[in-house]
Amino acid sequence: FQQFADGGGELWLCPICVKSRSLD
């Protein structure tokens, strides 16, 4: 996870999936 972030990798989260799981 840290290697991915340090290398410039991005996590894109599906907005519908985030909302349907009531994530902050």
mmCIF file of all heavy atoms, coordinates in Angstrom:
data_MODEL
# 
_entry.id   MODEL 
# 
loop_
_atom_site.group_PDB 
_atom_site.id 
_atom_site.type_symbol 
_atom_site.label_atom_id 
_atom_site.label_alt_id 
_atom_site.label_comp_id 
_atom_site.label_asym_id 
_atom_site.label_entity_id 
_atom_site.label_seq_id 
_atom_site.pdbx_PDB_ins_code 
_atom_site.Cartn_x 
_atom_site.Cartn_y 
_atom_site.Cartn_z 
_atom_site.occupancy 
_atom_site.B_iso_or_equiv 
_atom_site.pdbx_formal_charge 
_atom_site.auth_seq_id 
_atom_site.auth_comp_id 
_atom_site.auth_asym_id 
_atom_site.auth_atom_id 
_atom_site.pdbx_PDB_model_num 
ATOM 1   N N   . PHE A 1 1  ? 0.838   -1.200 0.000   1.00 0.00 ? 1  PHE A N   1 
ATOM 2   C CA  . PHE A 1 1  ? 0.000   0.000  0.000   1.00 0.00 ? 1  PHE A CA  1 
ATOM 3   C C   . PHE A 1 1  ? 0.876   1.254  0.000   1.00 0.00 ? 1  PHE A C   1 
ATOM 4   O O   . PHE A 1 1  ? 0.648   2.194  -0.761  1.00 0.00 ? 1  PHE A O   1 
ATOM 5   C CB  . PHE A 1 1  ? -0.915  -0.037 1.229   1.00 0.00 ? 1  PHE A CB  1 
ATOM 6   C CG  . PHE A 1 1  ? -2.047  0.940  1.206   1.00 0.00 ? 1  PHE A CG  1 
ATOM 7   C CD1 . PHE A 1 1  ? -3.254  0.605  0.633   1.00 0.00 ? 1  PHE A CD1 1 
ATOM 8   C CD2 . PHE A 1 1  ? -1.922  2.189  1.793   1.00 0.00 ? 1  PHE A CD2 1 
ATOM 9   C CE1 . PHE A 1 1  ? -4.323  1.498  0.634   1.00 0.00 ? 1  PHE A CE1 1 
ATOM 10  C CE2 . PHE A 1 1  ? -2.975  3.089  1.794   1.00 0.00 ? 1  PHE A CE2 1 
ATOM 11  C CZ  . PHE A 1 1  ? -4.181  2.739  1.208   1.00 0.00 ? 1  PHE A CZ  1 
ATOM 12  N N   . GLN A 1 2  ? 1.893   1.270  0.860   1.00 0.00 ? 2  GLN A N   1 
ATOM 13  C CA  . GLN A 1 2  ? 2.787   2.429  0.962   1.00 0.00 ? 2  GLN A CA  1 
ATOM 14  C C   . GLN A 1 2  ? 3.649   2.581  -0.285  1.00 0.00 ? 2  GLN A C   1 
ATOM 15  O O   . GLN A 1 2  ? 3.852   3.695  -0.767  1.00 0.00 ? 2  GLN A O   1 
ATOM 16  C CB  . GLN A 1 2  ? 3.668   2.325  2.212   1.00 0.00 ? 2  GLN A CB  1 
ATOM 17  C CG  . GLN A 1 2  ? 4.379   3.628  2.543   1.00 0.00 ? 2  GLN A CG  1 
ATOM 18  C CD  . GLN A 1 2  ? 3.395   4.771  2.803   1.00 0.00 ? 2  GLN A CD  1 
ATOM 19  O OE1 . GLN A 1 2  ? 2.501   4.638  3.625   1.00 0.00 ? 2  GLN A OE1 1 
ATOM 20  N NE2 . GLN A 1 2  ? 3.546   5.876  2.102   1.00 0.00 ? 2  GLN A NE2 1 
ATOM 21  N N   . GLN A 1 3  ? 4.165   1.471  -0.829  1.00 0.00 ? 3  GLN A N   1 
ATOM 22  C CA  . GLN A 1 3  ? 4.958   1.528  -2.063  1.00 0.00 ? 3  GLN A CA  1 
ATOM 23  C C   . GLN A 1 3  ? 4.127   2.100  -3.205  1.00 0.00 ? 3  GLN A C   1 
ATOM 24  O O   . GLN A 1 3  ? 4.619   2.898  -4.000  1.00 0.00 ? 3  GLN A O   1 
ATOM 25  C CB  . GLN A 1 3  ? 5.459   0.136  -2.452  1.00 0.00 ? 3  GLN A CB  1 
ATOM 26  C CG  . GLN A 1 3  ? 6.606   -0.366 -1.631  1.00 0.00 ? 3  GLN A CG  1 
ATOM 27  C CD  . GLN A 1 3  ? 6.984   -1.782 -2.033  1.00 0.00 ? 3  GLN A CD  1 
ATOM 28  O OE1 . GLN A 1 3  ? 6.165   -2.709 -1.939  1.00 0.00 ? 3  GLN A OE1 1 
ATOM 29  N NE2 . GLN A 1 3  ? 8.211   -1.954 -2.467  1.00 0.00 ? 3  GLN A NE2 1 
ATOM 30  N N   . PHE A 1 4  ? 2.887   1.683  -3.288  1.00 0.00 ? 4  PHE A N   1 
ATOM 31  C CA  . PHE A 1 4  ? 1.980   2.170  -4.321  1.00 0.00 ? 4  PHE A CA  1 
ATOM 32  C C   . PHE A 1 4  ? 1.781   3.678  -4.180  1.00 0.00 ? 4  PHE A C   1 
ATOM 33  O O   . PHE A 1 4  ? 1.917   4.430  -5.149  1.00 0.00 ? 4  PHE A O   1 
ATOM 34  C CB  . PHE A 1 4  ? 0.639   1.424  -4.233  1.00 0.00 ? 4  PHE A CB  1 
ATOM 35  C CG  . PHE A 1 4  ? -0.371  1.854  -5.249  1.00 0.00 ? 4  PHE A CG  1 
ATOM 36  C CD1 . PHE A 1 4  ? -0.211  1.547  -6.584  1.00 0.00 ? 4  PHE A CD1 1 
ATOM 37  C CD2 . PHE A 1 4  ? -1.496  2.563  -4.869  1.00 0.00 ? 4  PHE A CD2 1 
ATOM 38  C CE1 . PHE A 1 4  ? -1.148  1.946  -7.528  1.00 0.00 ? 4  PHE A CE1 1 
ATOM 39  C CE2 . PHE A 1 4  ? -2.449  2.959  -5.788  1.00 0.00 ? 4  PHE A CE2 1 
ATOM 40  C CZ  . PHE A 1 4  ? -2.266  2.646  -7.131  1.00 0.00 ? 4  PHE A CZ  1 
ATOM 41  N N   . ALA A 1 5  ? 1.494   4.124  -2.970  1.00 0.00 ? 5  ALA A N   1 
ATOM 42  C CA  . ALA A 1 5  ? 1.286   5.557  -2.724  1.00 0.00 ? 5  ALA A CA  1 
ATOM 43  C C   . ALA A 1 5  ? 2.562   6.348  -2.982  1.00 0.00 ? 5  ALA A C   1 
ATOM 44  O O   . ALA A 1 5  ? 2.535   7.396  -3.647  1.00 0.00 ? 5  ALA A O   1 
ATOM 45  C CB  . ALA A 1 5  ? 0.803   5.788  -1.296  1.00 0.00 ? 5  ALA A CB  1 
ATOM 46  N N   . ASP A 1 6  ? 3.694   5.857  -2.484  1.00 0.00 ? 6  ASP A N   1 
ATOM 47  C CA  . ASP A 1 6  ? 4.973   6.563  -2.660  1.00 0.00 ? 6  ASP A CA  1 
ATOM 48  C C   . ASP A 1 6  ? 5.364   6.675  -4.123  1.00 0.00 ? 6  ASP A C   1 
ATOM 49  O O   . ASP A 1 6  ? 6.033   7.629  -4.522  1.00 0.00 ? 6  ASP A O   1 
ATOM 50  C CB  . ASP A 1 6  ? 6.092   5.864  -1.887  1.00 0.00 ? 6  ASP A CB  1 
ATOM 51  C CG  . ASP A 1 6  ? 5.944   5.994  -0.375  1.00 0.00 ? 6  ASP A CG  1 
ATOM 52  O OD1 . ASP A 1 6  ? 5.118   6.814  0.079   1.00 0.00 ? 6  ASP A OD1 1 
ATOM 53  O OD2 . ASP A 1 6  ? 6.656   5.253  0.334   1.00 0.00 ? 6  ASP A OD2 1 
ATOM 54  N N   . GLY A 1 7  ? 4.941   5.700  -4.938  1.00 0.00 ? 7  GLY A N   1 
ATOM 55  C CA  . GLY A 1 7  ? 5.257   5.719  -6.365  1.00 0.00 ? 7  GLY A CA  1 
ATOM 56  C C   . GLY A 1 7  ? 4.308   6.570  -7.189  1.00 0.00 ? 7  GLY A C   1 
ATOM 57  O O   . GLY A 1 7  ? 4.423   6.630  -8.412  1.00 0.00 ? 7  GLY A O   1 
ATOM 58  N N   . GLY A 1 8  ? 3.354   7.214  -6.541  1.00 0.00 ? 8  GLY A N   1 
ATOM 59  C CA  . GLY A 1 8  ? 2.415   8.071  -7.261  1.00 0.00 ? 8  GLY A CA  1 
ATOM 60  C C   . GLY A 1 8  ? 1.120   7.391  -7.657  1.00 0.00 ? 8  GLY A C   1 
ATOM 61  O O   . GLY A 1 8  ? 0.299   7.979  -8.364  1.00 0.00 ? 8  GLY A O   1 
ATOM 62  N N   . GLY A 1 9  ? 0.926   6.155  -7.222  1.00 0.00 ? 9  GLY A N   1 
ATOM 63  C CA  . GLY A 1 9  ? -0.320  5.458  -7.533  1.00 0.00 ? 9  GLY A CA  1 
ATOM 64  C C   . GLY A 1 9  ? -1.506  6.102  -6.845  1.00 0.00 ? 9  GLY A C   1 
ATOM 65  O O   . GLY A 1 9  ? -1.390  6.601  -5.724  1.00 0.00 ? 9  GLY A O   1 
ATOM 66  N N   . GLU A 1 10 ? -2.640  6.098  -7.536  1.00 0.00 ? 10 GLU A N   1 
ATOM 67  C CA  . GLU A 1 10 ? -3.853  6.714  -6.994  1.00 0.00 ? 10 GLU A CA  1 
ATOM 68  C C   . GLU A 1 10 ? -4.952  5.682  -6.798  1.00 0.00 ? 10 GLU A C   1 
ATOM 69  O O   . GLU A 1 10 ? -5.123  4.785  -7.621  1.00 0.00 ? 10 GLU A O   1 
ATOM 70  C CB  . GLU A 1 10 ? -4.368  7.799  -7.936  1.00 0.00 ? 10 GLU A CB  1 
ATOM 71  C CG  . GLU A 1 10 ? -3.426  8.968  -8.103  1.00 0.00 ? 10 GLU A CG  1 
ATOM 72  C CD  . GLU A 1 10 ? -4.014  10.055 -8.992  1.00 0.00 ? 10 GLU A CD  1 
ATOM 73  O OE1 . GLU A 1 10 ? -5.241  10.289 -8.939  1.00 0.00 ? 10 GLU A OE1 1 
ATOM 74  O OE2 . GLU A 1 10 ? -3.238  10.669 -9.733  1.00 0.00 ? 10 GLU A OE2 1 
ATOM 75  N N   . LEU A 1 11 ? -5.689  5.834  -5.717  1.00 0.00 ? 11 LEU A N   1 
ATOM 76  C CA  . LEU A 1 11 ? -6.878  5.034  -5.451  1.00 0.00 ? 11 LEU A CA  1 
ATOM 77  C C   . LEU A 1 11 ? -8.094  5.877  -5.800  1.00 0.00 ? 11 LEU A C   1 
ATOM 78  O O   . LEU A 1 11 ? -8.279  6.954  -5.232  1.00 0.00 ? 11 LEU A O   1 
ATOM 79  C CB  . LEU A 1 11 ? -6.943  4.636  -3.976  1.00 0.00 ? 11 LEU A CB  1 
ATOM 80  C CG  . LEU A 1 11 ? -5.777  3.829  -3.416  1.00 0.00 ? 11 LEU A CG  1 
ATOM 81  C CD1 . LEU A 1 11 ? -5.935  3.683  -1.901  1.00 0.00 ? 11 LEU A CD1 1 
ATOM 82  C CD2 . LEU A 1 11 ? -5.688  2.477  -4.081  1.00 0.00 ? 11 LEU A CD2 1 
ATOM 83  N N   . TRP A 1 12 ? -8.883  5.410  -6.745  1.00 0.00 ? 12 TRP A N   1 
ATOM 84  C CA  . TRP A 1 12 ? -10.112 6.107  -7.100  1.00 0.00 ? 12 TRP A CA  1 
ATOM 85  C C   . TRP A 1 12 ? -11.272 5.276  -6.584  1.00 0.00 ? 12 TRP A C   1 
ATOM 86  O O   . TRP A 1 12 ? -11.419 4.105  -6.934  1.00 0.00 ? 12 TRP A O   1 
ATOM 87  C CB  . TRP A 1 12 ? -10.207 6.303  -8.608  1.00 0.00 ? 12 TRP A CB  1 
ATOM 88  C CG  . TRP A 1 12 ? -9.248  7.328  -9.139  1.00 0.00 ? 12 TRP A CG  1 
ATOM 89  C CD1 . TRP A 1 12 ? -8.241  7.960  -8.474  1.00 0.00 ? 12 TRP A CD1 1 
ATOM 90  C CD2 . TRP A 1 12 ? -9.204  7.826  -10.472 1.00 0.00 ? 12 TRP A CD2 1 
ATOM 91  N NE1 . TRP A 1 12 ? -7.574  8.823  -9.303  1.00 0.00 ? 12 TRP A NE1 1 
ATOM 92  C CE2 . TRP A 1 12 ? -8.143  8.774  -10.537 1.00 0.00 ? 12 TRP A CE2 1 
ATOM 93  C CE3 . TRP A 1 12 ? -9.947  7.577  -11.612 1.00 0.00 ? 12 TRP A CE3 1 
ATOM 94  C CZ2 . TRP A 1 12 ? -7.821  9.450  -11.701 1.00 0.00 ? 12 TRP A CZ2 1 
ATOM 95  C CZ3 . TRP A 1 12 ? -9.622  8.250  -12.780 1.00 0.00 ? 12 TRP A CZ3 1 
ATOM 96  C CH2 . TRP A 1 12 ? -8.580  9.194  -12.820 1.00 0.00 ? 12 TRP A CH2 1 
ATOM 97  N N   . LEU A 1 13 ? -12.089 5.884  -5.758  1.00 0.00 ? 13 LEU A N   1 
ATOM 98  C CA  . LEU A 1 13 ? -13.189 5.191  -5.106  1.00 0.00 ? 13 LEU A CA  1 
ATOM 99  C C   . LEU A 1 13 ? -14.509 5.492  -5.812  1.00 0.00 ? 13 LEU A C   1 
ATOM 100 O O   . LEU A 1 13 ? -14.861 6.664  -6.003  1.00 0.00 ? 13 LEU A O   1 
ATOM 101 C CB  . LEU A 1 13 ? -13.289 5.608  -3.642  1.00 0.00 ? 13 LEU A CB  1 
ATOM 102 C CG  . LEU A 1 13 ? -11.986 5.642  -2.830  1.00 0.00 ? 13 LEU A CG  1 
ATOM 103 C CD1 . LEU A 1 13 ? -12.265 6.102  -1.403  1.00 0.00 ? 13 LEU A CD1 1 
ATOM 104 C CD2 . LEU A 1 13 ? -11.289 4.314  -2.849  1.00 0.00 ? 13 LEU A CD2 1 
ATOM 105 N N   . CYS A 1 14 ? -15.216 4.451  -6.168  1.00 0.00 ? 14 CYS A N   1 
ATOM 106 C CA  . CYS A 1 14 ? -16.521 4.593  -6.814  1.00 0.00 ? 14 CYS A CA  1 
ATOM 107 C C   . CYS A 1 14 ? -17.468 5.364  -5.887  1.00 0.00 ? 14 CYS A C   1 
ATOM 108 O O   . CYS A 1 14 ? -17.700 4.951  -4.751  1.00 0.00 ? 14 CYS A O   1 
ATOM 109 C CB  . CYS A 1 14 ? -17.078 3.209  -7.110  1.00 0.00 ? 14 CYS A CB  1 
ATOM 110 S SG  . CYS A 1 14 ? -18.831 3.182  -7.527  1.00 0.00 ? 14 CYS A SG  1 
ATOM 111 N N   . PRO A 1 15 ? -18.010 6.499  -6.351  1.00 0.00 ? 15 PRO A N   1 
ATOM 112 C CA  . PRO A 1 15 ? -18.860 7.306  -5.473  1.00 0.00 ? 15 PRO A CA  1 
ATOM 113 C C   . PRO A 1 15 ? -20.140 6.595  -5.028  1.00 0.00 ? 15 PRO A C   1 
ATOM 114 O O   . PRO A 1 15 ? -20.568 6.743  -3.880  1.00 0.00 ? 15 PRO A O   1 
ATOM 115 C CB  . PRO A 1 15 ? -19.168 8.550  -6.296  1.00 0.00 ? 15 PRO A CB  1 
ATOM 116 C CG  . PRO A 1 15 ? -18.834 8.213  -7.700  1.00 0.00 ? 15 PRO A CG  1 
ATOM 117 C CD  . PRO A 1 15 ? -17.833 7.106  -7.670  1.00 0.00 ? 15 PRO A CD  1 
ATOM 118 N N   . ILE A 1 16 ? -20.737 5.818  -5.900  1.00 0.00 ? 16 ILE A N   1 
ATOM 119 C CA  . ILE A 1 16 ? -21.968 5.105  -5.537  1.00 0.00 ? 16 ILE A CA  1 
ATOM 120 C C   . ILE A 1 16 ? -21.659 4.055  -4.471  1.00 0.00 ? 16 ILE A C   1 
ATOM 121 O O   . ILE A 1 16 ? -22.411 3.893  -3.506  1.00 0.00 ? 16 ILE A O   1 
ATOM 122 C CB  . ILE A 1 16 ? -22.619 4.468  -6.788  1.00 0.00 ? 16 ILE A CB  1 
ATOM 123 C CG1 . ILE A 1 16 ? -23.100 5.573  -7.734  1.00 0.00 ? 16 ILE A CG1 1 
ATOM 124 C CG2 . ILE A 1 16 ? -23.750 3.526  -6.406  1.00 0.00 ? 16 ILE A CG2 1 
ATOM 125 C CD1 . ILE A 1 16 ? -23.519 5.077  -9.101  1.00 0.00 ? 16 ILE A CD1 1 
ATOM 126 N N   . CYS A 1 17 ? -20.527 3.373  -4.629  1.00 0.00 ? 17 CYS A N   1 
ATOM 127 C CA  . CYS A 1 17 ? -20.135 2.334  -3.670  1.00 0.00 ? 17 CYS A CA  1 
ATOM 128 C C   . CYS A 1 17 ? -19.817 2.940  -2.307  1.00 0.00 ? 17 CYS A C   1 
ATOM 129 O O   . CYS A 1 17 ? -20.168 2.365  -1.271  1.00 0.00 ? 17 CYS A O   1 
ATOM 130 C CB  . CYS A 1 17 ? -18.936 1.557  -4.199  1.00 0.00 ? 17 CYS A CB  1 
ATOM 131 S SG  . CYS A 1 17 ? -19.237 0.799  -5.821  1.00 0.00 ? 17 CYS A SG  1 
ATOM 132 N N   . VAL A 1 18 ? -19.159 4.092  -2.299  1.00 0.00 ? 18 VAL A N   1 
ATOM 133 C CA  . VAL A 1 18 ? -18.845 4.784  -1.045  1.00 0.00 ? 18 VAL A CA  1 
ATOM 134 C C   . VAL A 1 18 ? -20.135 5.185  -0.347  1.00 0.00 ? 18 VAL A C   1 
ATOM 135 O O   . VAL A 1 18 ? -20.319 4.936  0.847   1.00 0.00 ? 18 VAL A O   1 
ATOM 136 C CB  . VAL A 1 18 ? -17.942 6.010  -1.300  1.00 0.00 ? 18 VAL A CB  1 
ATOM 137 C CG1 . VAL A 1 18 ? -17.847 6.897  -0.069  1.00 0.00 ? 18 VAL A CG1 1 
ATOM 138 C CG2 . VAL A 1 18 ? -16.554 5.572  -1.750  1.00 0.00 ? 18 VAL A CG2 1 
ATOM 139 N N   . LYS A 1 19 ? -21.046 5.786  -1.106  1.00 0.00 ? 19 LYS A N   1 
ATOM 140 C CA  . LYS A 1 19 ? -22.311 6.258  -0.522  1.00 0.00 ? 19 LYS A CA  1 
ATOM 141 C C   . LYS A 1 19 ? -23.158 5.097  -0.008  1.00 0.00 ? 19 LYS A C   1 
ATOM 142 O O   . LYS A 1 19 ? -23.715 5.167  1.086   1.00 0.00 ? 19 LYS A O   1 
ATOM 143 C CB  . LYS A 1 19 ? -23.088 7.066  -1.553  1.00 0.00 ? 19 LYS A CB  1 
ATOM 144 C CG  . LYS A 1 19 ? -24.354 7.669  -1.003  1.00 0.00 ? 19 LYS A CG  1 
ATOM 145 C CD  . LYS A 1 19 ? -25.042 8.565  -2.005  1.00 0.00 ? 19 LYS A CD  1 
ATOM 146 C CE  . LYS A 1 19 ? -26.270 9.168  -1.354  1.00 0.00 ? 19 LYS A CE  1 
ATOM 147 N NZ  . LYS A 1 19 ? -26.915 10.142 -2.199  1.00 0.00 ? 19 LYS A NZ  1 
ATOM 148 N N   . SER A 1 20 ? -23.232 4.019  -0.777  1.00 0.00 ? 20 SER A N   1 
ATOM 149 C CA  . SER A 1 20 ? -24.087 2.898  -0.373  1.00 0.00 ? 20 SER A CA  1 
ATOM 150 C C   . SER A 1 20 ? -23.564 2.192  0.875   1.00 0.00 ? 20 SER A C   1 
ATOM 151 O O   . SER A 1 20 ? -24.320 1.500  1.558   1.00 0.00 ? 20 SER A O   1 
ATOM 152 C CB  . SER A 1 20 ? -24.248 1.894  -1.516  1.00 0.00 ? 20 SER A CB  1 
ATOM 153 O OG  . SER A 1 20 ? -23.046 1.198  -1.744  1.00 0.00 ? 20 SER A OG  1 
ATOM 154 N N   . ARG A 1 21 ? -22.282 2.399  1.201   1.00 0.00 ? 21 ARG A N   1 
ATOM 155 C CA  . ARG A 1 21 ? -21.699 1.811  2.412   1.00 0.00 ? 21 ARG A CA  1 
ATOM 156 C C   . ARG A 1 21 ? -21.578 2.831  3.538   1.00 0.00 ? 21 ARG A C   1 
ATOM 157 O O   . ARG A 1 21 ? -20.994 2.550  4.575   1.00 0.00 ? 21 ARG A O   1 
ATOM 158 C CB  . ARG A 1 21 ? -20.342 1.198  2.081   1.00 0.00 ? 21 ARG A CB  1 
ATOM 159 C CG  . ARG A 1 21 ? -20.513 -0.114 1.331   1.00 0.00 ? 21 ARG A CG  1 
ATOM 160 C CD  . ARG A 1 21 ? -19.310 -0.477 0.493   1.00 0.00 ? 21 ARG A CD  1 
ATOM 161 N NE  . ARG A 1 21 ? -19.556 -1.739 -0.205  1.00 0.00 ? 21 ARG A NE  1 
ATOM 162 C CZ  . ARG A 1 21 ? -20.293 -1.856 -1.319  1.00 0.00 ? 21 ARG A CZ  1 
ATOM 163 N NH1 . ARG A 1 21 ? -20.857 -0.788 -1.863  1.00 0.00 ? 21 ARG A NH1 1 
ATOM 164 N NH2 . ARG A 1 21 ? -20.475 -3.039 -1.888  1.00 0.00 ? 21 ARG A NH2 1 
ATOM 165 N N   . SER A 1 22 ? -22.131 4.024  3.316   1.00 0.00 ? 22 SER A N   1 
ATOM 166 C CA  . SER A 1 22 ? -22.124 5.111  4.311   1.00 0.00 ? 22 SER A CA  1 
ATOM 167 C C   . SER A 1 22 ? -20.727 5.405  4.851   1.00 0.00 ? 22 SER A C   1 
ATOM 168 O O   . SER A 1 22 ? -20.540 5.636  6.044   1.00 0.00 ? 22 SER A O   1 
ATOM 169 C CB  . SER A 1 22 ? -23.081 4.782  5.475   1.00 0.00 ? 22 SER A CB  1 
ATOM 170 O OG  . SER A 1 22 ? -24.394 4.581  4.998   1.00 0.00 ? 22 SER A OG  1 
ATOM 171 N N   . LEU A 1 23 ? -19.731 5.403  3.962   1.00 0.00 ? 23 LEU A N   1 
ATOM 172 C CA  . LEU A 1 23 ? -18.361 5.698  4.368   1.00 0.00 ? 23 LEU A CA  1 
ATOM 173 C C   . LEU A 1 23 ? -18.152 7.205  4.452   1.00 0.00 ? 23 LEU A C   1 
ATOM 174 O O   . LEU A 1 23 ? -18.755 7.966  3.700   1.00 0.00 ? 23 LEU A O   1 
ATOM 175 C CB  . LEU A 1 23 ? -17.359 5.085  3.389   1.00 0.00 ? 23 LEU A CB  1 
ATOM 176 C CG  . LEU A 1 23 ? -17.436 3.566  3.211   1.00 0.00 ? 23 LEU A CG  1 
ATOM 177 C CD1 . LEU A 1 23 ? -16.380 3.096  2.223   1.00 0.00 ? 23 LEU A CD1 1 
ATOM 178 C CD2 . LEU A 1 23 ? -17.287 2.854  4.541   1.00 0.00 ? 23 LEU A CD2 1 
ATOM 179 N N   . ASP A 1 24 ? -17.287 7.620  5.336   1.00 0.00 ? 24 ASP A N   1 
ATOM 180 C CA  . ASP A 1 24 ? -16.955 9.031  5.516   1.00 0.00 ? 24 ASP A CA  1 
ATOM 181 C C   . ASP A 1 24 ? -15.968 9.462  4.437   1.00 0.00 ? 24 ASP A C   1 
ATOM 182 O O   . ASP A 1 24 ? -14.793 9.093  4.475   1.00 0.00 ? 24 ASP A O   1 
ATOM 183 C CB  . ASP A 1 24 ? -16.357 9.242  6.911   1.00 0.00 ? 24 ASP A CB  1 
ATOM 184 C CG  . ASP A 1 24 ? -16.015 10.692 7.200   1.00 0.00 ? 24 ASP A CG  1 
ATOM 185 O OD1 . ASP A 1 24 ? -16.189 11.561 6.311   1.00 0.00 ? 24 ASP A OD1 1 
ATOM 186 O OD2 . ASP A 1 24 ? -15.555 10.957 8.326   1.00 0.00 ? 24 ASP A OD2 1 
# 
